[in-house]
Amino acid sequence: MLSPIFTPFIEKSPIPVMARGMLERVLNPDQLDAWFDTTAQAQYTKDLLFSTFFDLMGQVVQGSQRSIHSAFQACSIVKVLPLKG
């Protein structure tokens, strides 16, 4: 199911690898955007998709970015969306 490149990681820590794979499959961008579209009442995705915001927040939670602002600045979408503030 997974590429052979994952074998060393699976052998050393199978539970985190399986959990990450499951989360990536369940929380894929298309699925997140579809859930948002079906449940949002007053919210909208005029410029920034919910899945992109979810990814940016994930970077902050994991500690790879210090803030949502720094995650947004490091994101490639910044070339398309100006930061308003």
C-alpha atoms as a PDB file:
ATOM      1  CA  MET A   1       0.000   0.000   0.000  1.00  0.00           C
ATOM      2  CA  LEU A   2       2.791   2.426   0.860  1.00  0.00           C
ATOM      3  CA  SER A   3       5.925   3.027  -1.144  1.00  0.00           C
ATOM      4  CA  PRO A   4       8.976   0.935  -0.147  1.00  0.00           C
ATOM      5  CA  ILE A   5      10.686   4.156   0.919  1.00  0.00           C
ATOM      6  CA  PHE A   6       8.475   4.101   4.035  1.00  0.00           C
ATOM      7  CA  THR A   7       9.635   0.642   5.157  1.00  0.00           C
ATOM      8  CA  PRO A   8      12.332   1.842   7.619  1.00  0.00           C
ATOM      9  CA  PHE A   9       9.891   4.259   9.219  1.00  0.00           C
ATOM     10  CA  ILE A  10       7.155   1.638   9.455  1.00  0.00           C
ATOM     11  CA  GLU A  11       9.544  -0.836  11.082  1.00  0.00           C
ATOM     12  CA  LYS A  12      10.777   1.676  13.688  1.00  0.00           C
ATOM     13  CA  SER A  13       7.497   3.457  14.491  1.00  0.00           C
ATOM     14  CA  PRO A  14       4.466   1.862  12.827  1.00  0.00           C
ATOM     15  CA  ILE A  15       1.717   3.607  14.815  1.00  0.00           C
ATOM     16  CA  PRO A  16       2.749   7.207  13.963  1.00  0.00           C
ATOM     17  CA  VAL A  17       3.192   6.279  10.289  1.00  0.00           C
ATOM     18  CA  MET A  18      -0.234   4.644  10.158  1.00  0.00           C
ATOM     19  CA  ALA A  19      -1.859   7.563  11.986  1.00  0.00           C
ATOM     20  CA  ARG A  20      -0.284  10.101   9.667  1.00  0.00           C
ATOM     21  CA  GLY A  21      -1.316   8.120   6.593  1.00  0.00           C
ATOM     22  CA  MET A  22      -4.874   7.841   7.860  1.00  0.00           C
ATOM     23  CA  LEU A  23      -5.108  11.559   8.635  1.00  0.00           C
ATOM     24  CA  GLU A  24      -3.691  12.529   5.247  1.00  0.00           C
ATOM     25  CA  ARG A  25      -6.217  10.295   3.528  1.00  0.00           C
ATOM     26  CA  VAL A  26      -9.222  11.445   5.550  1.00  0.00           C
ATOM     27  CA  LEU A  27      -8.251  15.110   5.722  1.00  0.00           C
ATOM     28  CA  ASN A  28      -7.183  15.562   2.121  1.00  0.00           C
ATOM     29  CA  PRO A  29      -7.755  19.055   0.656  1.00  0.00           C
ATOM     30  CA  ASP A  30     -10.655  18.073  -1.610  1.00  0.00           C
ATOM     31  CA  GLN A  31     -12.498  16.365   1.250  1.00  0.00           C
ATOM     32  CA  LEU A  32     -11.944  19.306   3.616  1.00  0.00           C
ATOM     33  CA  ASP A  33     -13.236  21.791   1.053  1.00  0.00           C
ATOM     34  CA  ALA A  34     -16.269  19.604   0.338  1.00  0.00           C
ATOM     35  CA  TRP A  35     -17.086  19.355   4.062  1.00  0.00           C
ATOM     36  CA  PHE A  36     -16.715  23.105   4.427  1.00  0.00           C
ATOM     37  CA  ASP A  37     -18.983  23.773   1.447  1.00  0.00           C
ATOM     38  CA  THR A  38     -21.723  21.531   2.832  1.00  0.00           C
ATOM     39  CA  THR A  39     -21.611  22.859   6.406  1.00  0.00           C
ATOM     40  CA  ALA A  40     -20.697  26.553   6.103  1.00  0.00           C
ATOM     41  CA  GLN A  41     -23.638  28.843   6.687  1.00  0.00           C
ATOM     42  CA  ALA A  42     -22.278  32.398   6.778  1.00  0.00           C
ATOM     43  CA  GLN A  43     -18.647  31.605   5.918  1.00  0.00           C
ATOM     44  CA  TYR A  44     -17.288  31.651   2.410  1.00  0.00           C
ATOM     45  CA  THR A  45     -14.093  30.905   0.502  1.00  0.00           C
ATOM     46  CA  LYS A  46     -13.688  34.047  -1.555  1.00  0.00           C
ATOM     47  CA  ASP A  47      -9.885  34.029  -1.750  1.00  0.00           C
ATOM     48  CA  LEU A  48      -8.536  31.328   0.557  1.00  0.00           C
ATOM     49  CA  LEU A  49      -9.765  27.732   0.523  1.00  0.00           C
ATOM     50  CA  PHE A  50     -10.506  26.106   3.858  1.00  0.00           C
ATOM     51  CA  SER A  51      -8.025  23.339   3.068  1.00  0.00           C
ATOM     52  CA  THR A  52      -5.249  25.919   2.638  1.00  0.00           C
ATOM     53  CA  PHE A  53      -6.099  27.521   5.981  1.00  0.00           C
ATOM     54  CA  PHE A  54      -6.164  24.036   7.565  1.00  0.00           C
ATOM     55  CA  ASP A  55      -2.694  23.330   6.157  1.00  0.00           C
ATOM     56  CA  LEU A  56      -1.324  26.667   7.408  1.00  0.00           C
ATOM     57  CA  MET A  57      -2.731  26.073  10.896  1.00  0.00           C
ATOM     58  CA  GLY A  58      -1.256  22.578  10.849  1.00  0.00           C
ATOM     59  CA  GLN A  59       2.190  24.050  10.237  1.00  0.00           C
ATOM     60  CA  VAL A  60       1.782  26.290  13.282  1.00  0.00           C
ATOM     61  CA  VAL A  61       0.505  23.455  15.486  1.00  0.00           C
ATOM     62  CA  GLN A  62       3.396  21.177  14.428  1.00  0.00           C
ATOM     63  CA  GLY A  63       5.876  23.932  15.207  1.00  0.00           C
ATOM     64  CA  SER A  64       7.304  24.218  11.700  1.00  0.00           C
ATOM     65  CA  GLN A  65       6.036  27.823  11.618  1.00  0.00           C
ATOM     66  CA  ARG A  66       5.911  30.215  14.561  1.00  0.00           C
ATOM     67  CA  SER A  67       2.662  31.937  13.597  1.00  0.00           C
ATOM     68  CA  ILE A  68      -0.133  31.861  11.044  1.00  0.00           C
ATOM     69  CA  HIS A  69       1.396  35.023   9.567  1.00  0.00           C
ATOM     70  CA  SER A  70       4.783  33.373   9.021  1.00  0.00           C
ATOM     71  CA  ALA A  71       3.098  30.253   7.593  1.00  0.00           C
ATOM     72  CA  PHE A  72       1.105  32.423   5.192  1.00  0.00           C
ATOM     73  CA  GLN A  73       4.222  34.343   4.136  1.00  0.00           C
ATOM     74  CA  ALA A  74       6.083  31.076   3.454  1.00  0.00           C
ATOM     75  CA  CYS A  75       3.164  29.658   1.453  1.00  0.00           C
ATOM     76  CA  SER A  76       3.229  29.814  -2.337  1.00  0.00           C
ATOM     77  CA  ILE A  77      -0.321  31.190  -2.377  1.00  0.00           C
ATOM     78  CA  VAL A  78       1.064  34.487  -1.055  1.00  0.00           C
ATOM     79  CA  LYS A  79       2.018  35.296  -4.663  1.00  0.00           C
ATOM     80  CA  VAL A  80      -1.683  35.226  -5.536  1.00  0.00           C
ATOM     81  CA  LEU A  81      -3.270  36.659  -2.383  1.00  0.00           C
ATOM     82  CA  PRO A  82      -2.092  39.935  -0.885  1.00  0.00           C
ATOM     83  CA  LEU A  83      -1.862  40.113   2.891  1.00  0.00           C
ATOM     84  CA  LYS A  84      -4.406  42.621   4.143  1.00  0.00           C
ATOM     85  CA  GLY A  85      -4.217  44.012   7.580  1.00  0.00           C
END
